[in-house]
Each structure stands twice: as structure tokens, then as C-alpha cells.
Amino acid sequence: MSAVILALAAGAVIGLALGALGGGGSVLAVPALIYLLGFSPVGATTASLVIVTLTSATALVAHARDGHVRWRTGLLFAAAGIGPAMLGGALASSVPAAVLTAAFAVVAGAAAVRMLRSRPAADGAVTVRPGRAAAAGAGLGAVTGVLGVGGGFLAVPALVGVLGMRMRHAVGTSLLVITVNSLAALSMRAGTVESLDWAVVGPFIAAAILGAWDGKRLSAKVSGHMLQRIFAVVLLAVAAFMLVDALR
């Protein structure tokens, strides 16, 4: 199967995840780029940031139209992570590939367990403590920069489990966080973007953007609790696969 066809298929799945779940795009994009398309771990994390930034911005527009984005909380969360994301992005190239892969797997697995254990927030207004939002955002930004992920697979659990946000609002708000964090991390890797294989990355992005719109429509038909469970199970599967590979 050609690389372009694989890129289109993987992009569609990743866009679907971002549109429906508000995250999981990068946690799926990185292994897809490494294991299906032959990218190095560093190249895959850079390409993932490009893909996720553009796809998340597209999905954000769709969720904002339905009023599912908590702008104030999302901007505070994202702003606190910009500095750590840029620092992590600058340090990422010095981290061994096996360590990046193992760290990616451990963080994804921890996020999945947190999602499975947390209960969906009740309907109604949610009071968010600024200090807690800023602390969670800073930690997420650091992970985003080092691991080359948009952070949605961690932002959604944090918004639901730490800040008590309803799942649908967490999905929409996480897309805002992903877009800001990805741009910050990508700014520190600008020199590596030109070396990407755009004949593969381009179709990947196009398919992901189209998939994000389908994901948005899917999220309207599935309950918040079910979305939360699906998200967690996908994360656990990916984490287990990458951890086994890193320990070989």
C-alpha cells in the first residue's frame, strides 16, 4: 500500500478522533507516522504538531458554533502552558527516541486510567479555580512541547477530572488548548518543518481536516459518558502498544 493512501487513511481516523473526542489526534498521529509511514520519532512529533494544529483549529470552529467552548477557562489553561510548551519543544531533540516513545506511552496510559475512573460532571454551571486551571495548563504545556502532542488526550481528562467540566464542553475547550499549545511547541521546531516529507504530510492533513468535521457530527449523536469511555479505551490500547515497542 502506498504511503499516500496510508496517510489518507490515518489522517481520516485522527481527524475523526479530534472532532469527536477533542483530543487523541496526536497520540494516534505519532505512532501512525512512525509505524505506518516510517518517520523518525523526532520527525513524527514535529509532523504531528503541524497536523494537529491545523486540524484542531478547524474542529474548534465547529464546536464553537454550538457553544461548547469555554473560552475564558480554555485561554487561561492554554496561556499557562505556552512557556512550558516552548521550553519542552526546545529540549525535545536532545531526548533519546526510546525515551520519547516510553514517556509517550506512560503519559497516555495514566491519562486513560484517570478518564476511566472519573465520573461525568453533572449538568449546570461549573466553577473553575483559576489557580488550578493555570497549574494544570502549565503541566500540559510541558508535556506538549517534549512529546510533540497537542495535549488533547491530557486536556480532556484534566478539564473533566480536575476542573469538573462537562464532557461536551471539555471536548470543545480542549481544541482551543490544543491549537494554542501546538503552535507554541511548533514555534520551537520551525527549523525542522522544512525537512518533512510534504508529499505524505499534505494528504494526511487534508484527510484529517475532513475527518474532523465528521467527528463533530458524530459527537452530537453519542452521549458524553460514552465519548469519555471510548477515549480512554483507545488511549490504553495505544499506550500498551507503544510501551511494548519501547521496551524491546
C-alpha atoms as a PDB file:
ATOM      1  CA  MET A   1       0.000   0.000   0.000  1.00  0.00           C
ATOM      2  CA  SER A   2       1.415   3.406  -0.968  1.00  0.00           C
ATOM      3  CA  ALA A   3       2.440   5.974   1.642  1.00  0.00           C
ATOM      4  CA  VAL A   4      -0.138   8.469   0.375  1.00  0.00           C
ATOM      5  CA  ILE A   5      -3.029   6.028   0.798  1.00  0.00           C
ATOM      6  CA  LEU A   6      -1.829   5.144   4.296  1.00  0.00           C
ATOM      7  CA  ALA A   7      -1.544   8.853   5.095  1.00  0.00           C
ATOM      8  CA  LEU A   8      -5.097   9.496   3.885  1.00  0.00           C
ATOM      9  CA  ALA A   9      -6.495   6.607   5.932  1.00  0.00           C
ATOM     10  CA  ALA A  10      -4.583   7.554   9.082  1.00  0.00           C
ATOM     11  CA  GLY A  11      -5.466  11.223   8.670  1.00  0.00           C
ATOM     12  CA  ALA A  12      -9.179  10.444   8.416  1.00  0.00           C
ATOM     13  CA  VAL A  13      -9.103   8.417  11.648  1.00  0.00           C
ATOM     14  CA  ILE A  14      -7.126  11.066  13.513  1.00  0.00           C
ATOM     15  CA  GLY A  15      -9.390  13.860  12.328  1.00  0.00           C
ATOM     16  CA  LEU A  16     -12.402  11.824  13.425  1.00  0.00           C
ATOM     17  CA  ALA A  17     -10.868  11.432  16.894  1.00  0.00           C
ATOM     18  CA  LEU A  18     -10.141  15.139  17.244  1.00  0.00           C
ATOM     19  CA  GLY A  19     -13.570  16.190  16.018  1.00  0.00           C
ATOM     20  CA  ALA A  20     -15.480  13.737  18.192  1.00  0.00           C
ATOM     21  CA  LEU A  21     -13.287  13.468  21.282  1.00  0.00           C
ATOM     22  CA  GLY A  22     -11.484  16.820  21.424  1.00  0.00           C
ATOM     23  CA  GLY A  23      -8.151  15.055  21.599  1.00  0.00           C
ATOM     24  CA  GLY A  24      -6.351  11.833  20.828  1.00  0.00           C
ATOM     25  CA  GLY A  25      -5.241  13.098  17.428  1.00  0.00           C
ATOM     26  CA  SER A  26      -1.578  13.427  18.249  1.00  0.00           C
ATOM     27  CA  VAL A  27      -1.480  10.332  20.429  1.00  0.00           C
ATOM     28  CA  LEU A  28      -2.633   8.446  17.341  1.00  0.00           C
ATOM     29  CA  ALA A  29      -0.732  10.529  14.772  1.00  0.00           C
ATOM     30  CA  VAL A  30       2.712   9.920  16.276  1.00  0.00           C
ATOM     31  CA  PRO A  31       2.537   6.100  16.188  1.00  0.00           C
ATOM     32  CA  ALA A  32       0.898   6.212  12.741  1.00  0.00           C
ATOM     33  CA  LEU A  33       3.717   8.361  11.380  1.00  0.00           C
ATOM     34  CA  ILE A  34       6.374   6.140  12.960  1.00  0.00           C
ATOM     35  CA  TYR A  35       4.995   2.647  12.336  1.00  0.00           C
ATOM     36  CA  LEU A  36       2.984   3.127   9.134  1.00  0.00           C
ATOM     37  CA  LEU A  37       4.894   5.864   7.324  1.00  0.00           C
ATOM     38  CA  GLY A  38       8.459   5.333   8.538  1.00  0.00           C
ATOM     39  CA  PHE A  39       9.088   8.707  10.202  1.00  0.00           C
ATOM     40  CA  SER A  40      11.714   9.003  12.931  1.00  0.00           C
ATOM     41  CA  PRO A  41      10.343   9.763  16.423  1.00  0.00           C
ATOM     42  CA  VAL A  42      11.579  13.370  16.227  1.00  0.00           C
ATOM     43  CA  GLY A  43      10.216  13.822  12.689  1.00  0.00           C
ATOM     44  CA  ALA A  44       6.925  12.226  13.710  1.00  0.00           C
ATOM     45  CA  THR A  45       6.451  14.547  16.670  1.00  0.00           C
ATOM     46  CA  THR A  46       7.118  17.611  14.511  1.00  0.00           C
ATOM     47  CA  ALA A  47       4.782  16.425  11.748  1.00  0.00           C
ATOM     48  CA  SER A  48       2.168  15.598  14.379  1.00  0.00           C
ATOM     49  CA  LEU A  49       2.235  19.155  15.686  1.00  0.00           C
ATOM     50  CA  VAL A  50       1.622  20.534  12.187  1.00  0.00           C
ATOM     51  CA  ILE A  51      -1.215  18.088  11.524  1.00  0.00           C
ATOM     52  CA  VAL A  52      -2.879  18.563  14.902  1.00  0.00           C
ATOM     53  CA  THR A  53      -2.600  22.367  14.869  1.00  0.00           C
ATOM     54  CA  LEU A  54      -4.428  22.719  11.554  1.00  0.00           C
ATOM     55  CA  THR A  55      -6.995  20.011  12.296  1.00  0.00           C
ATOM     56  CA  SER A  56      -7.767  21.271  15.800  1.00  0.00           C
ATOM     57  CA  ALA A  57      -8.290  24.825  14.589  1.00  0.00           C
ATOM     58  CA  THR A  58     -10.811  23.519  12.051  1.00  0.00           C
ATOM     59  CA  ALA A  59     -12.672  21.415  14.626  1.00  0.00           C
ATOM     60  CA  LEU A  60     -12.633  24.305  17.108  1.00  0.00           C
ATOM     61  CA  VAL A  61     -14.720  26.432  14.743  1.00  0.00           C
ATOM     62  CA  ALA A  62     -17.378  23.726  14.514  1.00  0.00           C
ATOM     63  CA  HIS A  63     -17.625  23.214  18.285  1.00  0.00           C
ATOM     64  CA  ALA A  64     -17.628  26.965  18.969  1.00  0.00           C
ATOM     65  CA  ARG A  65     -20.682  27.363  16.739  1.00  0.00           C
ATOM     66  CA  ASP A  66     -22.586  25.024  19.071  1.00  0.00           C
ATOM     67  CA  GLY A  67     -21.477  26.894  22.203  1.00  0.00           C
ATOM     68  CA  HIS A  68     -19.318  24.044  23.500  1.00  0.00           C
ATOM     69  CA  VAL A  69     -16.143  26.091  24.063  1.00  0.00           C
ATOM     70  CA  ARG A  70     -15.440  27.641  27.473  1.00  0.00           C
ATOM     71  CA  TRP A  71     -13.250  30.441  26.162  1.00  0.00           C
ATOM     72  CA  ARG A  72     -12.145  32.002  29.458  1.00  0.00           C
ATOM     73  CA  THR A  73     -11.084  28.723  31.055  1.00  0.00           C
ATOM     74  CA  GLY A  74      -9.551  27.459  27.837  1.00  0.00           C
ATOM     75  CA  LEU A  75      -7.475  30.588  27.258  1.00  0.00           C
ATOM     76  CA  LEU A  76      -6.235  30.615  30.867  1.00  0.00           C
ATOM     77  CA  PHE A  77      -5.398  26.921  30.634  1.00  0.00           C
ATOM     78  CA  ALA A  78      -3.602  27.403  27.317  1.00  0.00           C
ATOM     79  CA  ALA A  79      -1.780  30.628  28.293  1.00  0.00           C
ATOM     80  CA  ALA A  80      -0.246  28.935  31.322  1.00  0.00           C
ATOM     81  CA  GLY A  81       1.147  26.212  29.065  1.00  0.00           C
ATOM     82  CA  ILE A  82       2.773  28.391  26.372  1.00  0.00           C
ATOM     83  CA  GLY A  83       6.095  28.912  28.168  1.00  0.00           C
ATOM     84  CA  PRO A  84       6.492  25.259  29.250  1.00  0.00           C
ATOM     85  CA  ALA A  85       5.491  24.115  25.743  1.00  0.00           C
ATOM     86  CA  MET A  86       8.163  26.259  24.113  1.00  0.00           C
ATOM     87  CA  LEU A  87      10.802  25.076  26.599  1.00  0.00           C
ATOM     88  CA  GLY A  88       9.822  21.451  26.123  1.00  0.00           C
ATOM     89  CA  GLY A  89       9.918  21.856  22.355  1.00  0.00           C
ATOM     90  CA  ALA A  90      13.467  23.215  22.541  1.00  0.00           C
ATOM     91  CA  LEU A  91      14.595  20.267  24.698  1.00  0.00           C
ATOM     92  CA  ALA A  92      12.841  17.525  22.718  1.00  0.00           C
ATOM     93  CA  SER A  93      15.592  16.978  20.148  1.00  0.00           C
ATOM     94  CA  SER A  94      18.050  16.020  22.901  1.00  0.00           C
ATOM     95  CA  VAL A  95      15.844  13.244  24.283  1.00  0.00           C
ATOM     96  CA  PRO A  96      16.651   9.694  23.031  1.00  0.00           C
ATOM     97  CA  ALA A  97      13.997   8.176  20.737  1.00  0.00           C
ATOM     98  CA  ALA A  98      13.310   5.201  23.035  1.00  0.00           C
ATOM     99  CA  VAL A  99      12.780   7.516  25.992  1.00  0.00           C
ATOM    100  CA  LEU A 100      10.347   9.661  23.983  1.00  0.00           C
ATOM    101  CA  THR A 101       8.348   6.594  22.990  1.00  0.00           C
ATOM    102  CA  ALA A 102       8.238   5.171  26.521  1.00  0.00           C
ATOM    103  CA  ALA A 103       7.315   8.522  28.054  1.00  0.00           C
ATOM    104  CA  PHE A 104       4.578   8.967  25.495  1.00  0.00           C
ATOM    105  CA  ALA A 105       3.129   5.558  26.388  1.00  0.00           C
ATOM    106  CA  VAL A 106       3.247   6.129  30.154  1.00  0.00           C
ATOM    107  CA  VAL A 107       1.581   9.552  29.963  1.00  0.00           C
ATOM    108  CA  ALA A 108      -1.142   8.261  27.636  1.00  0.00           C
ATOM    109  CA  GLY A 109      -1.834   5.292  29.906  1.00  0.00           C
ATOM    110  CA  ALA A 110      -2.063   7.465  33.014  1.00  0.00           C
ATOM    111  CA  ALA A 111      -4.494   9.811  31.267  1.00  0.00           C
ATOM    112  CA  ALA A 112      -6.646   6.874  30.169  1.00  0.00           C
ATOM    113  CA  VAL A 113      -6.878   5.460  33.696  1.00  0.00           C
ATOM    114  CA  ARG A 114      -7.857   8.888  35.029  1.00  0.00           C
ATOM    115  CA  MET A 115     -10.621   9.117  32.435  1.00  0.00           C
ATOM    116  CA  LEU A 116     -11.975   5.654  33.262  1.00  0.00           C
ATOM    117  CA  ARG A 117     -12.067   6.428  36.990  1.00  0.00           C
ATOM    118  CA  SER A 118     -13.604   9.900  36.760  1.00  0.00           C
ATOM    119  CA  ARG A 119     -17.349  10.409  36.680  1.00  0.00           C
ATOM    120  CA  PRO A 120     -19.007  12.674  34.126  1.00  0.00           C
ATOM    121  CA  ALA A 121     -19.790  16.083  35.592  1.00  0.00           C
ATOM    122  CA  ALA A 122     -23.388  16.922  36.266  1.00  0.00           C
ATOM    123  CA  ASP A 123     -25.238  19.382  34.073  1.00  0.00           C
ATOM    124  CA  GLY A 124     -25.127  23.012  35.095  1.00  0.00           C
ATOM    125  CA  ALA A 125     -22.560  25.698  35.662  1.00  0.00           C
ATOM    126  CA  VAL A 126     -19.028  24.730  36.579  1.00  0.00           C
ATOM    127  CA  THR A 127     -16.902  26.885  38.867  1.00  0.00           C
ATOM    128  CA  VAL A 128     -13.258  26.734  37.854  1.00  0.00           C
ATOM    129  CA  ARG A 129     -10.483  27.889  40.167  1.00  0.00           C
ATOM    130  CA  PRO A 130      -8.003  29.998  38.157  1.00  0.00           C
ATOM    131  CA  GLY A 131      -5.010  28.666  40.092  1.00  0.00           C
ATOM    132  CA  ARG A 132      -5.943  25.079  39.436  1.00  0.00           C
ATOM    133  CA  ALA A 133      -6.573  25.778  35.750  1.00  0.00           C
ATOM    134  CA  ALA A 134      -3.208  27.535  35.396  1.00  0.00           C
ATOM    135  CA  ALA A 135      -1.292  24.734  37.146  1.00  0.00           C
ATOM    136  CA  ALA A 136      -2.916  22.056  35.011  1.00  0.00           C
ATOM    137  CA  GLY A 137      -2.263  24.110  31.878  1.00  0.00           C
ATOM    138  CA  ALA A 138       1.426  24.570  32.683  1.00  0.00           C
ATOM    139  CA  GLY A 139       1.937  20.851  33.187  1.00  0.00           C
ATOM    140  CA  LEU A 140       0.124  20.066  29.966  1.00  0.00           C
ATOM    141  CA  GLY A 141       2.212  22.605  28.055  1.00  0.00           C
ATOM    142  CA  ALA A 142       5.451  20.960  29.171  1.00  0.00           C
ATOM    143  CA  VAL A 143       4.237  17.546  28.006  1.00  0.00           C
ATOM    144  CA  THR A 144       3.079  19.041  24.712  1.00  0.00           C
ATOM    145  CA  GLY A 145       6.485  20.512  23.975  1.00  0.00           C
ATOM    146  CA  VAL A 146       8.564  17.442  24.831  1.00  0.00           C
ATOM    147  CA  LEU A 147       6.355  14.742  23.349  1.00  0.00           C
ATOM    148  CA  GLY A 148       5.138  16.659  20.299  1.00  0.00           C
ATOM    149  CA  VAL A 149       1.468  16.257  21.103  1.00  0.00           C
ATOM    150  CA  GLY A 150      -1.320  18.774  21.034  1.00  0.00           C
ATOM    151  CA  GLY A 151      -2.271  17.735  24.544  1.00  0.00           C
ATOM    152  CA  GLY A 152      -5.951  16.984  23.995  1.00  0.00           C
ATOM    153  CA  PHE A 153      -5.600  13.446  25.310  1.00  0.00           C
ATOM    154  CA  LEU A 154      -4.475  15.051  28.586  1.00  0.00           C
ATOM    155  CA  ALA A 155      -6.502  18.258  28.384  1.00  0.00           C
ATOM    156  CA  VAL A 156      -9.817  16.411  28.231  1.00  0.00           C
ATOM    157  CA  PRO A 157      -9.111  14.325  31.380  1.00  0.00           C
ATOM    158  CA  ALA A 158      -7.848  17.467  33.157  1.00  0.00           C
ATOM    159  CA  LEU A 159     -10.870  19.543  32.184  1.00  0.00           C
ATOM    160  CA  VAL A 160     -13.253  16.759  33.226  1.00  0.00           C
ATOM    161  CA  GLY A 161     -11.479  15.238  36.224  1.00  0.00           C
ATOM    162  CA  VAL A 162      -9.545  18.196  37.678  1.00  0.00           C
ATOM    163  CA  LEU A 163     -11.746  21.148  36.717  1.00  0.00           C
ATOM    164  CA  GLY A 164     -15.120  19.362  36.760  1.00  0.00           C
ATOM    165  CA  MET A 165     -16.179  20.363  33.257  1.00  0.00           C
ATOM    166  CA  ARG A 166     -18.916  18.518  31.368  1.00  0.00           C
ATOM    167  CA  MET A 167     -17.578  16.178  28.681  1.00  0.00           C
ATOM    168  CA  ARG A 168     -19.040  18.050  25.703  1.00  0.00           C
ATOM    169  CA  HIS A 169     -17.610  21.353  26.921  1.00  0.00           C
ATOM    170  CA  ALA A 170     -14.293  19.664  27.696  1.00  0.00           C
ATOM    171  CA  VAL A 171     -14.133  18.378  24.120  1.00  0.00           C
ATOM    172  CA  GLY A 172     -14.716  21.827  22.624  1.00  0.00           C
ATOM    173  CA  THR A 173     -12.473  23.661  25.083  1.00  0.00           C
ATOM    174  CA  SER A 174      -9.633  21.174  24.658  1.00  0.00           C
ATOM    175  CA  LEU A 175      -9.488  22.042  20.945  1.00  0.00           C
ATOM    176  CA  LEU A 176      -8.697  25.641  21.901  1.00  0.00           C
ATOM    177  CA  VAL A 177      -5.963  24.429  24.262  1.00  0.00           C
ATOM    178  CA  ILE A 178      -4.555  22.060  21.629  1.00  0.00           C
ATOM    179  CA  THR A 179      -4.362  24.779  18.986  1.00  0.00           C
ATOM    180  CA  VAL A 180      -2.516  27.243  21.246  1.00  0.00           C
ATOM    181  CA  ASN A 181      -0.141  24.670  22.755  1.00  0.00           C
ATOM    182  CA  SER A 182       0.676  23.108  19.388  1.00  0.00           C
ATOM    183  CA  LEU A 183       1.522  26.491  17.877  1.00  0.00           C
ATOM    184  CA  ALA A 184       3.794  27.303  20.830  1.00  0.00           C
ATOM    185  CA  ALA A 185       5.635  23.984  20.624  1.00  0.00           C
ATOM    186  CA  LEU A 186       5.855  24.162  16.836  1.00  0.00           C
ATOM    187  CA  SER A 187       7.475  27.611  17.000  1.00  0.00           C
ATOM    188  CA  MET A 188      10.483  25.982  18.687  1.00  0.00           C
ATOM    189  CA  ARG A 189      10.768  23.380  15.911  1.00  0.00           C
ATOM    190  CA  ALA A 190      10.418  25.717  12.949  1.00  0.00           C
ATOM    191  CA  GLY A 191      13.796  24.653  11.595  1.00  0.00           C
ATOM    192  CA  THR A 192      12.710  21.021  11.263  1.00  0.00           C
ATOM    193  CA  VAL A 193       9.414  21.652   9.458  1.00  0.00           C
ATOM    194  CA  GLU A 194      11.033  22.167   6.035  1.00  0.00           C
ATOM    195  CA  SER A 195      12.615  18.706   6.164  1.00  0.00           C
ATOM    196  CA  LEU A 196       9.256  16.937   6.477  1.00  0.00           C
ATOM    197  CA  ASP A 197       8.007  14.801   3.587  1.00  0.00           C
ATOM    198  CA  TRP A 198       5.165  17.068   2.476  1.00  0.00           C
ATOM    199  CA  ALA A 199       4.054  14.618  -0.203  1.00  0.00           C
ATOM    200  CA  VAL A 200       2.879  12.484   2.739  1.00  0.00           C
ATOM    201  CA  VAL A 201       2.124  15.129   5.372  1.00  0.00           C
ATOM    202  CA  GLY A 202      -0.047  17.196   2.984  1.00  0.00           C
ATOM    203  CA  PRO A 203      -2.589  14.432   2.223  1.00  0.00           C
ATOM    204  CA  PHE A 204      -2.503  13.444   5.906  1.00  0.00           C
ATOM    205  CA  ILE A 205      -3.571  16.989   6.895  1.00  0.00           C
ATOM    206  CA  ALA A 206      -6.287  17.184   4.235  1.00  0.00           C
ATOM    207  CA  ALA A 207      -7.846  13.873   5.327  1.00  0.00           C
ATOM    208  CA  ALA A 208      -7.620  14.860   8.999  1.00  0.00           C
ATOM    209  CA  ILE A 209      -9.458  18.141   8.426  1.00  0.00           C
ATOM    210  CA  LEU A 210     -12.278  16.378   6.568  1.00  0.00           C
ATOM    211  CA  GLY A 211     -12.409  13.720   9.277  1.00  0.00           C
ATOM    212  CA  ALA A 212     -12.708  16.371  11.982  1.00  0.00           C
ATOM    213  CA  TRP A 213     -15.992  17.609  10.511  1.00  0.00           C
ATOM    214  CA  ASP A 214     -17.355  14.054  10.503  1.00  0.00           C
ATOM    215  CA  GLY A 215     -16.172  13.645  14.089  1.00  0.00           C
ATOM    216  CA  LYS A 216     -18.039  16.759  15.137  1.00  0.00           C
ATOM    217  CA  ARG A 217     -21.266  15.353  13.695  1.00  0.00           C
ATOM    218  CA  LEU A 218     -20.621  12.026  15.432  1.00  0.00           C
ATOM    219  CA  SER A 219     -20.128  13.712  18.818  1.00  0.00           C
ATOM    220  CA  ALA A 220     -23.633  15.158  18.598  1.00  0.00           C
ATOM    221  CA  LYS A 221     -25.088  11.638  18.390  1.00  0.00           C
ATOM    222  CA  VAL A 222     -23.122   9.968  21.211  1.00  0.00           C
ATOM    223  CA  SER A 223     -23.521  10.640  24.940  1.00  0.00           C
ATOM    224  CA  GLY A 224     -20.755  12.421  26.835  1.00  0.00           C
ATOM    225  CA  HIS A 225     -20.202   9.394  29.087  1.00  0.00           C
ATOM    226  CA  MET A 226     -19.790   7.085  26.104  1.00  0.00           C
ATOM    227  CA  LEU A 227     -17.345   9.513  24.475  1.00  0.00           C
ATOM    228  CA  GLN A 228     -15.328   9.508  27.675  1.00  0.00           C
ATOM    229  CA  ARG A 229     -15.170   5.696  27.779  1.00  0.00           C
ATOM    230  CA  ILE A 230     -14.238   5.397  24.096  1.00  0.00           C
ATOM    231  CA  PHE A 231     -11.490   7.980  24.533  1.00  0.00           C
ATOM    232  CA  ALA A 232      -9.988   6.111  27.497  1.00  0.00           C
ATOM    233  CA  VAL A 233     -10.044   2.684  25.835  1.00  0.00           C
ATOM    234  CA  VAL A 234      -8.328   3.995  22.693  1.00  0.00           C
ATOM    235  CA  LEU A 235      -5.636   5.632  24.809  1.00  0.00           C
ATOM    236  CA  LEU A 236      -4.976   2.438  26.773  1.00  0.00           C
ATOM    237  CA  ALA A 237      -4.582   0.393  23.601  1.00  0.00           C
ATOM    238  CA  VAL A 238      -2.142   2.855  22.041  1.00  0.00           C
ATOM    239  CA  ALA A 239      -0.182   3.220  25.282  1.00  0.00           C
ATOM    240  CA  ALA A 240       0.230  -0.544  25.670  1.00  0.00           C
ATOM    241  CA  PHE A 241       1.436  -0.964  22.082  1.00  0.00           C
ATOM    242  CA  MET A 242       3.994   1.851  22.316  1.00  0.00           C
ATOM    243  CA  LEU A 243       5.297   0.766  25.721  1.00  0.00           C
ATOM    244  CA  VAL A 244       5.917  -2.779  24.468  1.00  0.00           C
ATOM    245  CA  ASP A 245       7.732  -1.396  21.446  1.00  0.00           C
ATOM    246  CA  ALA A 246       9.892   0.933  23.557  1.00  0.00           C
ATOM    247  CA  LEU A 247      10.948  -1.886  25.906  1.00  0.00           C
ATOM    248  CA  ARG A 248      12.047  -4.282  23.164  1.00  0.00           C
END
